[in-house]
Amino acid sequence: MFTIIYYRKKCIGCGVCAEVAPERWRMSRNDGRSTLVKGIEKKGIYRAQARMDEFEANKAAATNCPVKVIKILCR
């Protein structure tokens, strides 16, 4: 397991995360920002636990995010 941390307020809605990891990321129709699927929000920061088979796609999402609002924590 690993943790995805997402700072949604700083998202610019480019959509790269939804392109490379569609099982974990969706684009919101309300504000155009990404939504972390199964993310739990606390003080504006979203966190989600993910399986290791999702690691490569989400690492690519974090690496390619132009504003670096996605972080990956491995345990």
Protein backbone atom coordinates (compact mmCIF):
# COMPACT_ATOMS: atom_id res chain seq x y z
CA MET A 1 0.00 0.00 0.00
CA PHE A 2 0.99 3.59 -0.53
CA THR A 3 -0.61 6.96 0.17
CA ILE A 4 -1.60 9.64 -2.32
CA ILE A 5 -1.69 13.19 -0.96
CA TYR A 6 -3.42 15.86 -3.04
CA TYR A 7 -3.59 19.64 -2.51
CA ARG A 8 -6.79 20.31 -4.45
CA LYS A 9 -6.98 24.09 -3.89
CA LYS A 10 -3.74 24.54 -5.84
CA CYS A 11 -4.86 22.36 -8.78
CA ILE A 12 -5.05 24.12 -12.16
CA GLY A 13 -7.14 21.40 -13.83
CA CYS A 14 -4.71 20.38 -16.57
CA GLY A 15 -6.04 16.79 -16.45
CA VAL A 16 -2.76 14.91 -16.78
CA CYS A 17 -3.52 12.87 -13.64
CA ALA A 18 -6.88 11.75 -15.03
CA GLU A 19 -5.18 10.77 -18.30
CA VAL A 20 -2.42 8.64 -16.79
CA ALA A 21 -4.33 7.20 -13.79
CA PRO A 22 -8.06 7.23 -14.67
CA GLU A 23 -8.91 4.63 -12.01
CA ARG A 24 -7.90 7.10 -9.28
CA TRP A 25 -8.48 10.57 -10.81
CA ARG A 26 -11.54 12.30 -12.31
CA MET A 27 -12.08 15.82 -13.60
CA SER A 28 -14.80 17.76 -11.79
CA ARG A 29 -17.55 19.28 -13.91
CA ASN A 30 -18.21 21.84 -11.18
CA ASP A 31 -14.86 23.61 -11.04
CA GLY A 32 -12.63 21.86 -13.61
CA ARG A 33 -10.17 20.57 -11.02
CA SER A 34 -9.15 16.97 -10.48
CA THR A 35 -10.86 14.83 -7.89
CA LEU A 36 -9.02 12.07 -6.05
CA VAL A 37 -11.27 9.00 -6.13
CA LYS A 38 -11.85 7.69 -2.58
CA GLY A 39 -9.87 10.63 -1.22
CA ILE A 40 -10.64 11.76 2.31
CA GLU A 41 -10.40 15.50 2.91
CA LYS A 42 -8.96 17.09 6.03
CA LYS A 43 -8.16 20.80 6.15
CA GLY A 44 -8.14 21.06 2.37
CA ILE A 45 -5.73 18.16 1.84
CA TYR A 46 -7.00 14.90 0.35
CA ARG A 47 -5.49 11.52 1.17
CA ALA A 48 -6.17 8.07 -0.22
CA GLN A 49 -4.66 4.65 0.34
CA ALA A 50 -3.91 2.78 -2.88
CA ARG A 51 -2.74 -0.68 -3.88
CA MET A 52 0.75 -1.22 -5.26
CA ASP A 53 -0.64 -2.15 -8.68
CA GLU A 54 -1.70 1.53 -8.96
CA PHE A 55 1.74 2.85 -8.02
CA GLU A 56 3.29 3.43 -11.45
CA ALA A 57 0.28 5.28 -12.87
CA ASN A 58 -0.03 7.53 -9.82
CA LYS A 59 3.70 8.16 -9.68
CA ALA A 60 3.42 9.33 -13.31
CA ALA A 61 0.50 11.57 -12.32
CA ALA A 62 2.59 13.15 -9.55
CA THR A 63 5.68 13.51 -11.72
CA ASN A 64 3.79 15.09 -14.64
CA CYS A 65 1.63 17.45 -12.59
CA PRO A 66 2.79 20.94 -13.63
CA VAL A 67 2.00 22.50 -10.24
CA LYS A 68 3.21 19.51 -8.15
CA VAL A 69 0.05 19.16 -6.03
CA ILE A 70 0.19 15.34 -5.92
CA LYS A 71 2.57 13.58 -3.54
CA ILE A 72 3.21 9.84 -3.20
CA LEU A 73 4.22 8.34 0.15
CA CYS A 74 5.49 4.76 0.28
CA ARG A 75 5.59 2.80 3.50
